[in-house]
Amino acid sequence: MSGPGRYEVKLDRAAAKLLRKLDPSVQARLVVAIAALSVAPRPEGAISLAGHAGLLRVRVGDYRIVYTVDDSVLLVLVVHLGHPPGGLPVLTASLTGPWTNR
């Protein structure tokens, strides 16, 4: 999902797995929003996650897309998405290591 001047958008393994498990209509809405991050990686309404430097969240209906942006290589990495009943899970993240959910 990239082109001239656009950011490449990647989903980490866990986010891709979560996306595949969702209802097709929800998947379609999330894919459109994720693709839009290639043009505007920090859209209006994007919120920085407290306690998680570098992580942003955008809302798509009742769902959330959690991601990081690396401007030096024009990369958006989606690390979590979903609609957990109690809110977003506690995320442990390292910009140099693998992403994990706890």
Foldseek 3Di string as FASTA:
>chain_A
DEDVVWAAEEEPPVAVVVLVPDDPVVSVQVVVVSVVCRVPVQDPQWDDDPPDPQWIWHDRPQKIWIWGADPVRRYIYTYHMDRDPVDDFDWDDDPVDDTDTD
